[in-house]
Amino acid sequence: MQITDIKVRKLFDEGPMKAIVSVTFDGQLAVHDIKVINARDKFFIVMPSRKNPDESYRDIVHPINAQFRGMLEEAVITAYEAAVAEAQAAENTETPAPETV
């Protein structure tokens, strides 16, 4: 199974959650609401989940093995870092409107 697209849907400046991402596999299956988290100076991903009646959470979809999780996590974090760099570059190239006196 190949990752064919990663879309960073939303970036966050505050708090541990840094982004919400969608990933497409083989151009045929999309997984939405993967979260990029920064905690203890480390980035990792959290898979989409739902809340159970007992207030715990259960993943809706998740990697079956550590090798695939590592590959997915690396690809998502790389896409997140590229999106952050792009947003910062766009912010730096914006020219302020001239002041009127």
PDB file of N, CA and C in Angstrom:
ATOM      1  N   MET A   1       0.854  -1.178   0.000  1.00  0.00           N
ATOM      2  CA  MET A   1       0.000   0.000   0.000  1.00  0.00           C
ATOM      3  C   MET A   1       0.894   1.234   0.000  1.00  0.00           C
ATOM      4  N   GLN A   2       0.638   2.120  -0.941  1.00  0.00           N
ATOM      5  CA  GLN A   2       1.443   3.324  -1.084  1.00  0.00           C
ATOM      6  C   GLN A   2       0.645   4.562  -0.692  1.00  0.00           C
ATOM      7  N   ILE A   3       1.309   5.508  -0.055  1.00  0.00           N
ATOM      8  CA  ILE A   3       0.698   6.803   0.242  1.00  0.00           C
ATOM      9  C   ILE A   3       0.786   7.615  -1.044  1.00  0.00           C
ATOM     10  N   THR A   4      -0.373   8.006  -1.587  1.00  0.00           N
ATOM     11  CA  THR A   4      -0.372   8.745  -2.847  1.00  0.00           C
ATOM     12  C   THR A   4      -0.650  10.227  -2.663  1.00  0.00           C
ATOM     13  N   ASP A   5      -1.135  10.647  -1.501  1.00  0.00           N
ATOM     14  CA  ASP A   5      -1.381  12.063  -1.262  1.00  0.00           C
ATOM     15  C   ASP A   5      -1.496  12.322   0.234  1.00  0.00           C
ATOM     16  N   ILE A   6      -0.966  13.452   0.642  1.00  0.00           N
ATOM     17  CA  ILE A   6      -1.132  13.909   2.023  1.00  0.00           C
ATOM     18  C   ILE A   6      -1.549  15.368   1.950  1.00  0.00           C
ATOM     19  N   LYS A   7      -2.675  15.695   2.560  1.00  0.00           N
ATOM     20  CA  LYS A   7      -3.156  17.072   2.607  1.00  0.00           C
ATOM     21  C   LYS A   7      -3.188  17.533   4.058  1.00  0.00           C
ATOM     22  N   VAL A   8      -2.467  18.610   4.331  1.00  0.00           N
ATOM     23  CA  VAL A   8      -2.514  19.215   5.659  1.00  0.00           C
ATOM     24  C   VAL A   8      -3.730  20.137   5.640  1.00  0.00           C
ATOM     25  N   ARG A   9      -4.775  19.757   6.359  1.00  0.00           N
ATOM     26  CA  ARG A   9      -6.048  20.468   6.314  1.00  0.00           C
ATOM     27  C   ARG A   9      -6.050  21.736   7.157  1.00  0.00           C
ATOM     28  N   LYS A  10      -5.405  21.670   8.314  1.00  0.00           N
ATOM     29  CA  LYS A  10      -5.420  22.818   9.216  1.00  0.00           C
ATOM     30  C   LYS A  10      -4.166  22.798  10.072  1.00  0.00           C
ATOM     31  N   LEU A  11      -3.574  23.988  10.265  1.00  0.00           N
ATOM     32  CA  LEU A  11      -2.412  24.146  11.137  1.00  0.00           C
ATOM     33  C   LEU A  11      -2.835  24.894  12.395  1.00  0.00           C
ATOM     34  N   PHE A  12      -2.206  24.552  13.513  1.00  0.00           N
ATOM     35  CA  PHE A  12      -2.477  25.206  14.794  1.00  0.00           C
ATOM     36  C   PHE A  12      -1.174  25.742  15.368  1.00  0.00           C
ATOM     37  N   ASP A  13      -1.218  26.969  15.905  1.00  0.00           N
ATOM     38  CA  ASP A  13      -0.039  27.556  16.527  1.00  0.00           C
ATOM     39  C   ASP A  13       0.043  27.223  18.014  1.00  0.00           C
ATOM     40  N   GLU A  14      -1.098  27.192  18.677  1.00  0.00           N
ATOM     41  CA  GLU A  14      -1.142  27.001  20.129  1.00  0.00           C
ATOM     42  C   GLU A  14      -1.469  25.553  20.486  1.00  0.00           C
ATOM     43  N   GLY A  15      -0.963  25.118  21.628  1.00  0.00           N
ATOM     44  CA  GLY A  15      -1.294  23.797  22.156  1.00  0.00           C
ATOM     45  C   GLY A  15      -0.476  22.697  21.513  1.00  0.00           C
ATOM     46  N   PRO A  16      -0.647  21.477  22.005  1.00  0.00           N
ATOM     47  CA  PRO A  16       0.145  20.351  21.503  1.00  0.00           C
ATOM     48  C   PRO A  16      -0.296  19.863  20.119  1.00  0.00           C
ATOM     49  N   MET A  17      -1.590  20.051  19.761  1.00  0.00           N
ATOM     50  CA  MET A  17      -2.033  19.625  18.436  1.00  0.00           C
ATOM     51  C   MET A  17      -1.577  20.660  17.419  1.00  0.00           C
ATOM     52  N   LYS A  18      -0.798  20.228  16.434  1.00  0.00           N
ATOM     53  CA  LYS A  18      -0.194  21.137  15.469  1.00  0.00           C
ATOM     54  C   LYS A  18      -0.865  21.117  14.102  1.00  0.00           C
ATOM     55  N   ALA A  19      -1.546  20.009  13.761  1.00  0.00           N
ATOM     56  CA  ALA A  19      -2.187  19.938  12.443  1.00  0.00           C
ATOM     57  C   ALA A  19      -3.210  18.820  12.402  1.00  0.00           C
ATOM     58  N   ILE A  20      -4.121  18.966  11.441  1.00  0.00           N
ATOM     59  CA  ILE A  20      -5.055  17.896  11.091  1.00  0.00           C
ATOM     60  C   ILE A  20      -4.792  17.565   9.626  1.00  0.00           C
ATOM     61  N   VAL A  21      -4.620  16.277   9.338  1.00  0.00           N
ATOM     62  CA  VAL A  21      -4.130  15.829   8.041  1.00  0.00           C
ATOM     63  C   VAL A  21      -5.050  14.749   7.472  1.00  0.00           C
ATOM     64  N   SER A  22      -5.149  14.709   6.141  1.00  0.00           N
ATOM     65  CA  SER A  22      -5.813  13.609   5.438  1.00  0.00           C
ATOM     66  C   SER A  22      -4.774  12.899   4.587  1.00  0.00           C
ATOM     67  N   VAL A  23      -4.838  11.574   4.552  1.00  0.00           N
ATOM     68  CA  VAL A  23      -3.886  10.768   3.788  1.00  0.00           C
ATOM     69  C   VAL A  23      -4.666   9.879   2.833  1.00  0.00           C
ATOM     70  N   THR A  24      -4.202   9.824   1.571  1.00  0.00           N
ATOM     71  CA  THR A  24      -4.817   8.949   0.574  1.00  0.00           C
ATOM     72  C   THR A  24      -3.855   7.810   0.273  1.00  0.00           C
ATOM     73  N   PHE A  25      -4.387   6.597   0.228  1.00  0.00           N
ATOM     74  CA  PHE A  25      -3.609   5.391  -0.056  1.00  0.00           C
ATOM     75  C   PHE A  25      -4.008   4.826  -1.412  1.00  0.00           C
ATOM     76  N   ASP A  26      -3.015   4.522  -2.231  1.00  0.00           N
ATOM     77  CA  ASP A  26      -3.220   3.927  -3.554  1.00  0.00           C
ATOM     78  C   ASP A  26      -4.224   4.705  -4.405  1.00  0.00           C
ATOM     79  N   GLY A  27      -4.405   5.983  -4.134  1.00  0.00           N
ATOM     80  CA  GLY A  27      -5.353   6.794  -4.884  1.00  0.00           C
ATOM     81  C   GLY A  27      -6.796   6.328  -4.742  1.00  0.00           C
ATOM     82  N   GLN A  28      -7.071   5.479  -3.715  1.00  0.00           N
ATOM     83  CA  GLN A  28      -8.395   4.878  -3.609  1.00  0.00           C
ATOM     84  C   GLN A  28      -9.016   4.919  -2.215  1.00  0.00           C
ATOM     85  N   LEU A  29      -8.226   5.153  -1.191  1.00  0.00           N
ATOM     86  CA  LEU A  29      -8.737   5.152   0.174  1.00  0.00           C
ATOM     87  C   LEU A  29      -8.199   6.374   0.903  1.00  0.00           C
ATOM     88  N   ALA A  30      -9.105   7.180   1.464  1.00  0.00           N
ATOM     89  CA  ALA A  30      -8.689   8.375   2.209  1.00  0.00           C
ATOM     90  C   ALA A  30      -8.973   8.177   3.691  1.00  0.00           C
ATOM     91  N   VAL A  31      -8.022   8.588   4.509  1.00  0.00           N
ATOM     92  CA  VAL A  31      -8.193   8.581   5.961  1.00  0.00           C
ATOM     93  C   VAL A  31      -8.078  10.033   6.413  1.00  0.00           C
ATOM     94  N   HIS A  32      -9.149  10.555   7.009  1.00  0.00           N
ATOM     95  CA  HIS A  32      -9.201  11.938   7.451  1.00  0.00           C
ATOM     96  C   HIS A  32      -8.971  12.036   8.954  1.00  0.00           C
ATOM     97  N   ASP A  33      -8.654  13.236   9.397  1.00  0.00           N
ATOM     98  CA  ASP A  33      -8.546  13.574  10.828  1.00  0.00           C
ATOM     99  C   ASP A  33      -7.398  12.884  11.557  1.00  0.00           C
ATOM    100  N   ILE A  34      -6.285  12.680  10.860  1.00  0.00           N
ATOM    101  CA  ILE A  34      -5.064  12.253  11.530  1.00  0.00           C
ATOM    102  C   ILE A  34      -4.464  13.508  12.150  1.00  0.00           C
ATOM    103  N   LYS A  35      -4.119  13.445  13.419  1.00  0.00           N
ATOM    104  CA  LYS A  35      -3.617  14.620  14.129  1.00  0.00           C
ATOM    105  C   LYS A  35      -2.107  14.548  14.291  1.00  0.00           C
ATOM    106  N   VAL A  36      -1.449  15.689  14.087  1.00  0.00           N
ATOM    107  CA  VAL A  36      -0.017  15.813  14.359  1.00  0.00           C
ATOM    108  C   VAL A  36       0.108  16.465  15.726  1.00  0.00           C
ATOM    109  N   ILE A  37       0.784  15.798  16.635  1.00  0.00           N
ATOM    110  CA  ILE A  37       0.926  16.243  18.024  1.00  0.00           C
ATOM    111  C   ILE A  37       2.402  16.500  18.318  1.00  0.00           C
ATOM    112  N   ASN A  38       2.671  17.553  19.092  1.00  0.00           N
ATOM    113  CA  ASN A  38       4.024  17.825  19.567  1.00  0.00           C
ATOM    114  C   ASN A  38       3.983  17.786  21.088  1.00  0.00           C
ATOM    115  N   ALA A  39       4.646  16.806  21.653  1.00  0.00           N
ATOM    116  CA  ALA A  39       4.719  16.671  23.113  1.00  0.00           C
ATOM    117  C   ALA A  39       6.125  16.214  23.481  1.00  0.00           C
ATOM    118  N   ARG A  40       6.652  16.820  24.526  1.00  0.00           N
ATOM    119  CA  ARG A  40       8.012  16.484  25.000  1.00  0.00           C
ATOM    120  C   ARG A  40       9.039  16.630  23.877  1.00  0.00           C
ATOM    121  N   ASP A  41       8.886  17.708  23.107  1.00  0.00           N
ATOM    122  CA  ASP A  41       9.815  18.023  22.015  1.00  0.00           C
ATOM    123  C   ASP A  41       9.890  16.934  20.954  1.00  0.00           C
ATOM    124  N   LYS A  42       8.791  16.194  20.758  1.00  0.00           N
ATOM    125  CA  LYS A  42       8.748  15.138  19.752  1.00  0.00           C
ATOM    126  C   LYS A  42       7.421  15.220  19.013  1.00  0.00           C
ATOM    127  N   PHE A  43       7.462  15.038  17.705  1.00  0.00           N
ATOM    128  CA  PHE A  43       6.242  14.981  16.911  1.00  0.00           C
ATOM    129  C   PHE A  43       5.817  13.531  16.747  1.00  0.00           C
ATOM    130  N   PHE A  44       4.506  13.303  16.783  1.00  0.00           N
ATOM    131  CA  PHE A  44       3.956  11.991  16.490  1.00  0.00           C
ATOM    132  C   PHE A  44       2.546  12.175  15.956  1.00  0.00           C
ATOM    133  N   ILE A  45       1.950  11.109  15.434  1.00  0.00           N
ATOM    134  CA  ILE A  45       0.597  11.204  14.903  1.00  0.00           C
ATOM    135  C   ILE A  45      -0.375  10.433  15.790  1.00  0.00           C
ATOM    136  N   VAL A  46      -1.617  10.889  15.764  1.00  0.00           N
ATOM    137  CA  VAL A  46      -2.702  10.215  16.463  1.00  0.00           C
ATOM    138  C   VAL A  46      -3.770   9.913  15.422  1.00  0.00           C
ATOM    139  N   MET A  47      -4.171   8.682  15.361  1.00  0.00           N
ATOM    140  CA  MET A  47      -5.143   8.254  14.359  1.00  0.00           C
ATOM    141  C   MET A  47      -6.557   8.708  14.756  1.00  0.00           C
ATOM    142  N   PRO A  48      -7.465   8.777  13.773  1.00  0.00           N
ATOM    143  CA  PRO A  48      -8.843   9.183  14.078  1.00  0.00           C
ATOM    144  C   PRO A  48      -9.474   8.216  15.085  1.00  0.00           C
ATOM    145  N   SER A  49     -10.254   8.766  15.993  1.00  0.00           N
ATOM    146  CA  SER A  49     -10.865   7.925  17.025  1.00  0.00           C
ATOM    147  C   SER A  49     -12.259   8.421  17.345  1.00  0.00           C
ATOM    148  N   ARG A  50     -12.975   7.600  18.102  1.00  0.00           N
ATOM    149  CA  ARG A  50     -14.306   8.008  18.579  1.00  0.00           C
ATOM    150  C   ARG A  50     -14.373   7.766  20.073  1.00  0.00           C
ATOM    151  N   LYS A  51     -15.251   8.519  20.719  1.00  0.00           N
ATOM    152  CA  LYS A  51     -15.394   8.418  22.170  1.00  0.00           C
ATOM    153  C   LYS A  51     -16.383   7.307  22.508  1.00  0.00           C
ATOM    154  N   ASN A  52     -16.005   6.438  23.418  1.00  0.00           N
ATOM    155  CA  ASN A  52     -16.870   5.356  23.876  1.00  0.00           C
ATOM    156  C   ASN A  52     -17.767   5.845  25.007  1.00  0.00           C
ATOM    157  N   PRO A  53     -18.832   5.118  25.311  1.00  0.00           N
ATOM    158  CA  PRO A  53     -19.714   5.514  26.416  1.00  0.00           C
ATOM    159  C   PRO A  53     -18.990   5.644  27.761  1.00  0.00           C
ATOM    160  N   ASP A  54     -17.892   4.901  27.949  1.00  0.00           N
ATOM    161  CA  ASP A  54     -17.159   4.967  29.216  1.00  0.00           C
ATOM    162  C   ASP A  54     -16.112   6.094  29.219  1.00  0.00           C
ATOM    163  N   GLU A  55     -16.210   7.013  28.256  1.00  0.00           N
ATOM    164  CA  GLU A  55     -15.334   8.177  28.135  1.00  0.00           C
ATOM    165  C   GLU A  55     -13.927   7.847  27.614  1.00  0.00           C
ATOM    166  N   SER A  56     -13.648   6.599  27.280  1.00  0.00           N
ATOM    167  CA  SER A  56     -12.364   6.253  26.670  1.00  0.00           C
ATOM    168  C   SER A  56     -12.480   6.469  25.157  1.00  0.00           C
ATOM    169  N   TYR A  57     -11.344   6.425  24.470  1.00  0.00           N
ATOM    170  CA  TYR A  57     -11.337   6.605  23.021  1.00  0.00           C
ATOM    171  C   TYR A  57     -10.857   5.339  22.342  1.00  0.00           C
ATOM    172  N   ARG A  58     -11.391   5.080  21.151  1.00  0.00           N
ATOM    173  CA  ARG A  58     -11.009   3.909  20.377  1.00  0.00           C
ATOM    174  C   ARG A  58     -10.689   4.364  18.956  1.00  0.00           C
ATOM    175  N   ASP A  59      -9.528   3.943  18.441  1.00  0.00           N
ATOM    176  CA  ASP A  59      -9.163   4.290  17.077  1.00  0.00           C
ATOM    177  C   ASP A  59     -10.176   3.713  16.089  1.00  0.00           C
ATOM    178  N   ILE A  60     -10.538   4.510  15.102  1.00  0.00           N
ATOM    179  CA  ILE A  60     -11.428   4.057  14.039  1.00  0.00           C
ATOM    180  C   ILE A  60     -10.619   3.289  12.995  1.00  0.00           C
ATOM    181  N   VAL A  61      -9.413   3.755  12.748  1.00  0.00           N
ATOM    182  CA  VAL A  61      -8.502   3.123  11.800  1.00  0.00           C
ATOM    183  C   VAL A  61      -7.098   3.255  12.383  1.00  0.00           C
ATOM    184  N   HIS A  62      -6.259   2.260  12.159  1.00  0.00           N
ATOM    185  CA  HIS A  62      -4.899   2.322  12.703  1.00  0.00           C
ATOM    186  C   HIS A  62      -3.983   1.370  11.953  1.00  0.00           C
ATOM    187  N   PRO A  63      -2.678   1.666  11.947  1.00  0.00           N
ATOM    188  CA  PRO A  63      -1.711   0.748  11.339  1.00  0.00           C
ATOM    189  C   PRO A  63      -1.664  -0.561  12.132  1.00  0.00           C
ATOM    190  N   ILE A  64      -1.429  -1.635  11.435  1.00  0.00           N
ATOM    191  CA  ILE A  64      -1.385  -2.949  12.085  1.00  0.00           C
ATOM    192  C   ILE A  64      -0.008  -3.265  12.661  1.00  0.00           C
ATOM    193  N   ASN A  65       1.047  -2.713  12.042  1.00  0.00           N
ATOM    194  CA  ASN A  65       2.382  -3.031  12.552  1.00  0.00           C
ATOM    195  C   ASN A  65       3.229  -1.772  12.696  1.00  0.00           C
ATOM    196  N   ALA A  66       4.295  -1.904  13.454  1.00  0.00           N
ATOM    197  CA  ALA A  66       5.163  -0.769  13.759  1.00  0.00           C
ATOM    198  C   ALA A  66       5.871  -0.235  12.518  1.00  0.00           C
ATOM    199  N   GLN A  67       6.211  -1.102  11.587  1.00  0.00           N
ATOM    200  CA  GLN A  67       6.896  -0.671  10.368  1.00  0.00           C
ATOM    201  C   GLN A  67       6.012   0.283   9.561  1.00  0.00           C
ATOM    202  N   PHE A  68       4.763  -0.079   9.360  1.00  0.00           N
ATOM    203  CA  PHE A  68       3.863   0.791   8.596  1.00  0.00           C
ATOM    204  C   PHE A  68       3.558   2.065   9.376  1.00  0.00           C
ATOM    205  N   ARG A  69       3.382   1.964  10.690  1.00  0.00           N
ATOM    206  CA  ARG A  69       3.142   3.160  11.508  1.00  0.00           C
ATOM    207  C   ARG A  69       4.318   4.131  11.361  1.00  0.00           C
ATOM    208  N   GLY A  70       5.524   3.635  11.407  1.00  0.00           N
ATOM    209  CA  GLY A  70       6.703   4.484  11.258  1.00  0.00           C
ATOM    210  C   GLY A  70       6.740   5.169   9.902  1.00  0.00           C
ATOM    211  N   MET A  71       6.441   4.418   8.845  1.00  0.00           N
ATOM    212  CA  MET A  71       6.416   4.984   7.499  1.00  0.00           C
ATOM    213  C   MET A  71       5.350   6.068   7.384  1.00  0.00           C
ATOM    214  N   LEU A  72       4.158   5.799   7.904  1.00  0.00           N
ATOM    215  CA  LEU A  72       3.058   6.754   7.856  1.00  0.00           C
ATOM    216  C   LEU A  72       3.390   8.000   8.668  1.00  0.00           C
ATOM    217  N   GLU A  73       3.906   7.790   9.871  1.00  0.00           N
ATOM    218  CA  GLU A  73       4.253   8.912  10.739  1.00  0.00           C
ATOM    219  C   GLU A  73       5.328   9.796  10.091  1.00  0.00           C
ATOM    220  N   GLU A  74       6.336   9.200   9.516  1.00  0.00           N
ATOM    221  CA  GLU A  74       7.400   9.964   8.863  1.00  0.00           C
ATOM    222  C   GLU A  74       6.846  10.779   7.694  1.00  0.00           C
ATOM    223  N   ALA A  75       5.990  10.174   6.876  1.00  0.00           N
ATOM    224  CA  ALA A  75       5.421  10.875   5.718  1.00  0.00           C
ATOM    225  C   ALA A  75       4.522  12.026   6.159  1.00  0.00           C
ATOM    226  N   VAL A  76       3.695  11.813   7.177  1.00  0.00           N
ATOM    227  CA  VAL A  76       2.780  12.854   7.653  1.00  0.00           C
ATOM    228  C   VAL A  76       3.564  14.000   8.289  1.00  0.00           C
ATOM    229  N   ILE A  77       4.544  13.704   9.102  1.00  0.00           N
ATOM    230  CA  ILE A  77       5.325  14.763   9.756  1.00  0.00           C
ATOM    231  C   ILE A  77       6.135  15.546   8.730  1.00  0.00           C
ATOM    232  N   THR A  78       6.659  14.884   7.713  1.00  0.00           N
ATOM    233  CA  THR A  78       7.369  15.580   6.640  1.00  0.00           C
ATOM    234  C   THR A  78       6.420  16.528   5.902  1.00  0.00           C
ATOM    235  N   ALA A  79       5.199  16.083   5.619  1.00  0.00           N
ATOM    236  CA  ALA A  79       4.207  16.942   4.958  1.00  0.00           C
ATOM    237  C   ALA A  79       3.822  18.113   5.861  1.00  0.00           C
ATOM    238  N   TYR A  80       3.700  17.862   7.152  1.00  0.00           N
ATOM    239  CA  TYR A  80       3.398  18.935   8.116  1.00  0.00           C
ATOM    240  C   TYR A  80       4.513  19.976   8.109  1.00  0.00           C
ATOM    241  N   GLU A  81       5.758  19.533   8.187  1.00  0.00           N
ATOM    242  CA  GLU A  81       6.891  20.469   8.201  1.00  0.00           C
ATOM    243  C   GLU A  81       6.944  21.290   6.923  1.00  0.00           C
ATOM    244  N   ALA A  82       6.635  20.672   5.775  1.00  0.00           N
ATOM    245  CA  ALA A  82       6.604  21.407   4.508  1.00  0.00           C
ATOM    246  C   ALA A  82       5.489  22.449   4.516  1.00  0.00           C
ATOM    247  N   ALA A  83       4.332  22.099   5.062  1.00  0.00           N
ATOM    248  CA  ALA A  83       3.210  23.041   5.133  1.00  0.00           C
ATOM    249  C   ALA A  83       3.534  24.218   6.041  1.00  0.00           C
ATOM    250  N   VAL A  84       4.211  23.961   7.154  1.00  0.00           N
ATOM    251  CA  VAL A  84       4.620  25.035   8.066  1.00  0.00           C
ATOM    252  C   VAL A  84       5.617  25.953   7.364  1.00  0.00           C
ATOM    253  N   ALA A  85       6.594  25.387   6.673  1.00  0.00           N
ATOM    254  CA  ALA A  85       7.595  26.190   5.955  1.00  0.00           C
ATOM    255  C   ALA A  85       6.925  27.032   4.872  1.00  0.00           C
ATOM    256  N   GLU A  86       5.981  26.448   4.165  1.00  0.00           N
ATOM    257  CA  GLU A  86       5.252  27.175   3.116  1.00  0.00           C
ATOM    258  C   GLU A  86       4.443  28.322   3.713  1.00  0.00           C
ATOM    259  N   ALA A  87       3.774  28.071   4.838  1.00  0.00           N
ATOM    260  CA  ALA A  87       2.983  29.118   5.499  1.00  0.00           C
ATOM    261  C   ALA A  87       3.890  30.240   5.987  1.00  0.00           C
ATOM    262  N   GLN A  88       5.050  29.906   6.530  1.00  0.00           N
ATOM    263  CA  GLN A  88       5.987  30.927   7.000  1.00  0.00           C
ATOM    264  C   GLN A  88       6.550  31.729   5.832  1.00  0.00           C
ATOM    265  N   ALA A  89       6.851  31.069   4.719  1.00  0.00           N
ATOM    266  CA  ALA A  89       7.363  31.765   3.544  1.00  0.00           C
ATOM    267  C   ALA A  89       6.311  32.719   2.992  1.00  0.00           C
ATOM    268  N   ALA A  90       5.062  32.279   2.948  1.00  0.00           N
ATOM    269  CA  ALA A  90       3.982  33.137   2.469  1.00  0.00           C
ATOM    270  C   ALA A  90       3.801  34.337   3.386  1.00  0.00           C
ATOM    271  N   GLU A  91       3.924  34.107   4.681  1.00  0.00           N
ATOM    272  CA  GLU A  91       3.797  35.192   5.660  1.00  0.00           C
ATOM    273  C   GLU A  91       4.929  36.205   5.501  1.00  0.00           C
ATOM    274  N   ASN A  92       6.130  35.730   5.223  1.00  0.00           N
ATOM    275  CA  ASN A  92       7.291  36.608   5.079  1.00  0.00           C
ATOM    276  C   ASN A  92       7.289  37.391   3.769  1.00  0.00           C
ATOM    277  N   THR A  93       6.611  36.887   2.743  1.00  0.00           N
ATOM    278  CA  THR A  93       6.601  37.581   1.456  1.00  0.00           C
ATOM    279  C   THR A  93       5.456  38.576   1.333  1.00  0.00           C
ATOM    280  N   GLU A  94       4.526  38.549   2.262  1.00  0.00           N
ATOM    281  CA  GLU A  94       3.437  39.521   2.227  1.00  0.00           C
ATOM    282  C   GLU A  94       4.013  40.901   2.505  1.00  0.00           C
ATOM    283  N   THR A  95       3.667  41.841   1.660  1.00  0.00           N
ATOM    284  CA  THR A  95       4.137  43.218   1.889  1.00  0.00           C
ATOM    285  C   THR A  95       3.019  44.005   2.530  1.00  0.00           C
ATOM    286  N   PRO A  96       3.331  44.754   3.571  1.00  0.00           N
ATOM    287  CA  PRO A  96       2.292  45.532   4.241  1.00  0.00           C
ATOM    288  C   PRO A  96       1.802  46.654   3.333  1.00  0.00           C
ATOM    289  N   ALA A  97       0.526  46.976   3.491  1.00  0.00           N
ATOM    290  CA  ALA A  97      -0.060  48.062   2.718  1.00  0.00           C
ATOM    291  C   ALA A  97       0.562  49.375   3.161  1.00  0.00           C
ATOM    292  N   PRO A  98       0.780  50.295   2.223  1.00  0.00           N
ATOM    293  CA  PRO A  98       1.377  51.565   2.600  1.00  0.00           C
ATOM    294  C   PRO A  98       0.432  52.350   3.525  1.00  0.00           C
ATOM    295  N   GLU A  99       1.052  53.005   4.470  1.00  0.00           N
ATOM    296  CA  GLU A  99       0.260  53.800   5.427  1.00  0.00           C
ATOM    297  C   GLU A  99      -0.158  55.105   4.764  1.00  0.00           C
ATOM    298  N   THR A 100      -1.366  55.514   5.087  1.00  0.00           N
ATOM    299  CA  THR A 100      -1.845  56.797   4.582  1.00  0.00           C
ATOM    300  C   THR A 100      -1.768  57.824   5.692  1.00  0.00           C
ATOM    301  N   VAL A 101      -1.399  59.026   5.319  1.00  0.00           N
ATOM    302  CA  VAL A 101      -1.226  60.091   6.319  1.00  0.00           C
ATOM    303  C   VAL A 101      -2.283  61.149   6.116  1.00  0.00           C
TER     304      VAL A 101
END
